[in-house]
């Protein structure tokens, strides 16, 4: 297996963060690669929240921001 470390994601703008993470998820789905994203969780959830703000009221869990929902789907573990 290969480990790829993504560091300083919280220094990128919201569009770069979401584009990068969505691209990785699409390209490496099913590949024997592990990604370690080193960034502030709030920065990533806010980035997805800004990008997909139109979906905030589209259902799901009204108690959680849409950015949190994307983070839960994208990462297996968040510390």
C-alpha atoms as a PDB file:
ATOM      1  CA  UNK A   1       0.000   0.000   0.000  1.00  0.00           C
ATOM      2  CA  UNK A   2       1.016   3.597  -0.600  1.00  0.00           C
ATOM      3  CA  UNK A   3       0.531   6.473   1.867  1.00  0.00           C
ATOM      4  CA  UNK A   4       0.121   9.976   0.442  1.00  0.00           C
ATOM      5  CA  UNK A   5       0.177  12.856   2.919  1.00  0.00           C
ATOM      6  CA  UNK A   6      -1.753  16.028   2.056  1.00  0.00           C
ATOM      7  CA  UNK A   7      -0.401  18.756   4.306  1.00  0.00           C
ATOM      8  CA  UNK A   8      -1.439  22.381   4.756  1.00  0.00           C
ATOM      9  CA  UNK A   9      -4.866  22.009   3.141  1.00  0.00           C
ATOM     10  CA  UNK A  10      -6.044  24.688   5.543  1.00  0.00           C
ATOM     11  CA  UNK A  11      -3.801  27.183   3.736  1.00  0.00           C
ATOM     12  CA  UNK A  12      -5.663  26.712   0.444  1.00  0.00           C
ATOM     13  CA  UNK A  13      -8.800  28.507  -0.666  1.00  0.00           C
ATOM     14  CA  UNK A  14     -12.150  26.713  -0.464  1.00  0.00           C
ATOM     15  CA  UNK A  15     -12.318  25.892  -4.175  1.00  0.00           C
ATOM     16  CA  UNK A  16      -8.874  24.299  -4.204  1.00  0.00           C
ATOM     17  CA  UNK A  17      -9.662  22.180  -1.135  1.00  0.00           C
ATOM     18  CA  UNK A  18     -12.925  20.821  -2.537  1.00  0.00           C
ATOM     19  CA  UNK A  19     -11.554  20.295  -6.060  1.00  0.00           C
ATOM     20  CA  UNK A  20      -8.515  18.414  -4.759  1.00  0.00           C
ATOM     21  CA  UNK A  21     -10.437  16.162  -2.374  1.00  0.00           C
ATOM     22  CA  UNK A  22     -13.168  15.397  -4.911  1.00  0.00           C
ATOM     23  CA  UNK A  23     -10.543  14.609  -7.561  1.00  0.00           C
ATOM     24  CA  UNK A  24      -8.670  12.273  -5.244  1.00  0.00           C
ATOM     25  CA  UNK A  25     -11.872  10.505  -4.275  1.00  0.00           C
ATOM     26  CA  UNK A  26     -12.810  10.025  -7.924  1.00  0.00           C
ATOM     27  CA  UNK A  27      -9.399   9.011  -9.285  1.00  0.00           C
ATOM     28  CA  UNK A  28      -8.253   6.700  -6.511  1.00  0.00           C
ATOM     29  CA  UNK A  29     -11.516   4.993  -5.585  1.00  0.00           C
ATOM     30  CA  UNK A  30     -10.712   1.326  -5.087  1.00  0.00           C
ATOM     31  CA  UNK A  31      -6.932   1.822  -5.417  1.00  0.00           C
ATOM     32  CA  UNK A  32      -4.617   0.481  -2.682  1.00  0.00           C
ATOM     33  CA  UNK A  33      -3.710   4.027  -1.584  1.00  0.00           C
ATOM     34  CA  UNK A  34      -4.192   5.645   1.816  1.00  0.00           C
ATOM     35  CA  UNK A  35      -4.464   9.430   2.045  1.00  0.00           C
ATOM     36  CA  UNK A  36      -3.667  11.328   5.210  1.00  0.00           C
ATOM     37  CA  UNK A  37      -5.072  14.852   5.082  1.00  0.00           C
ATOM     38  CA  UNK A  38      -3.424  17.116   7.642  1.00  0.00           C
ATOM     39  CA  UNK A  39      -5.655  20.154   8.022  1.00  0.00           C
ATOM     40  CA  UNK A  40      -8.062  21.903  10.324  1.00  0.00           C
ATOM     41  CA  UNK A  41     -11.362  20.011  10.177  1.00  0.00           C
ATOM     42  CA  UNK A  42     -13.327  23.259  10.392  1.00  0.00           C
ATOM     43  CA  UNK A  43     -11.513  24.621   7.341  1.00  0.00           C
ATOM     44  CA  UNK A  44     -12.447  21.594   5.246  1.00  0.00           C
ATOM     45  CA  UNK A  45     -16.078  21.526   6.406  1.00  0.00           C
ATOM     46  CA  UNK A  46     -16.410  25.268   5.780  1.00  0.00           C
ATOM     47  CA  UNK A  47     -14.911  24.835   2.296  1.00  0.00           C
ATOM     48  CA  UNK A  48     -17.495  22.190   1.414  1.00  0.00           C
ATOM     49  CA  UNK A  49     -20.208  24.244   3.084  1.00  0.00           C
ATOM     50  CA  UNK A  50     -19.388  27.244   0.871  1.00  0.00           C
ATOM     51  CA  UNK A  51     -19.184  25.160  -2.276  1.00  0.00           C
ATOM     52  CA  UNK A  52     -22.468  23.346  -1.681  1.00  0.00           C
ATOM     53  CA  UNK A  53     -24.428  25.990   0.234  1.00  0.00           C
ATOM     54  CA  UNK A  54     -27.394  25.502  -2.108  1.00  0.00           C
ATOM     55  CA  UNK A  55     -27.850  22.003  -0.666  1.00  0.00           C
ATOM     56  CA  UNK A  56     -27.979  23.048   2.992  1.00  0.00           C
ATOM     57  CA  UNK A  57     -31.785  23.003   3.048  1.00  0.00           C
ATOM     58  CA  UNK A  58     -32.164  19.994   0.723  1.00  0.00           C
ATOM     59  CA  UNK A  59     -32.927  17.574   3.513  1.00  0.00           C
ATOM     60  CA  UNK A  60     -30.735  15.336   5.571  1.00  0.00           C
ATOM     61  CA  UNK A  61     -29.737  16.267   9.077  1.00  0.00           C
ATOM     62  CA  UNK A  62     -30.884  19.821   9.832  1.00  0.00           C
ATOM     63  CA  UNK A  63     -28.724  19.904  12.974  1.00  0.00           C
ATOM     64  CA  UNK A  64     -25.464  19.493  11.050  1.00  0.00           C
ATOM     65  CA  UNK A  65     -23.964  21.771   8.407  1.00  0.00           C
ATOM     66  CA  UNK A  66     -23.686  20.377   4.878  1.00  0.00           C
ATOM     67  CA  UNK A  67     -19.870  20.562   5.122  1.00  0.00           C
ATOM     68  CA  UNK A  68     -19.896  18.061   7.992  1.00  0.00           C
ATOM     69  CA  UNK A  69     -21.986  15.651   5.933  1.00  0.00           C
ATOM     70  CA  UNK A  70     -19.466  15.775   3.077  1.00  0.00           C
ATOM     71  CA  UNK A  71     -16.586  15.238   5.475  1.00  0.00           C
ATOM     72  CA  UNK A  72     -18.245  12.150   6.956  1.00  0.00           C
ATOM     73  CA  UNK A  73     -18.690  10.650   3.486  1.00  0.00           C
ATOM     74  CA  UNK A  74     -15.160  11.452   2.363  1.00  0.00           C
ATOM     75  CA  UNK A  75     -13.026  10.416   5.340  1.00  0.00           C
ATOM     76  CA  UNK A  76     -13.102   7.149   7.276  1.00  0.00           C
ATOM     77  CA  UNK A  77     -11.531   8.743  10.353  1.00  0.00           C
ATOM     78  CA  UNK A  78     -11.333  12.315  11.530  1.00  0.00           C
ATOM     79  CA  UNK A  79      -9.404  13.352  14.618  1.00  0.00           C
END
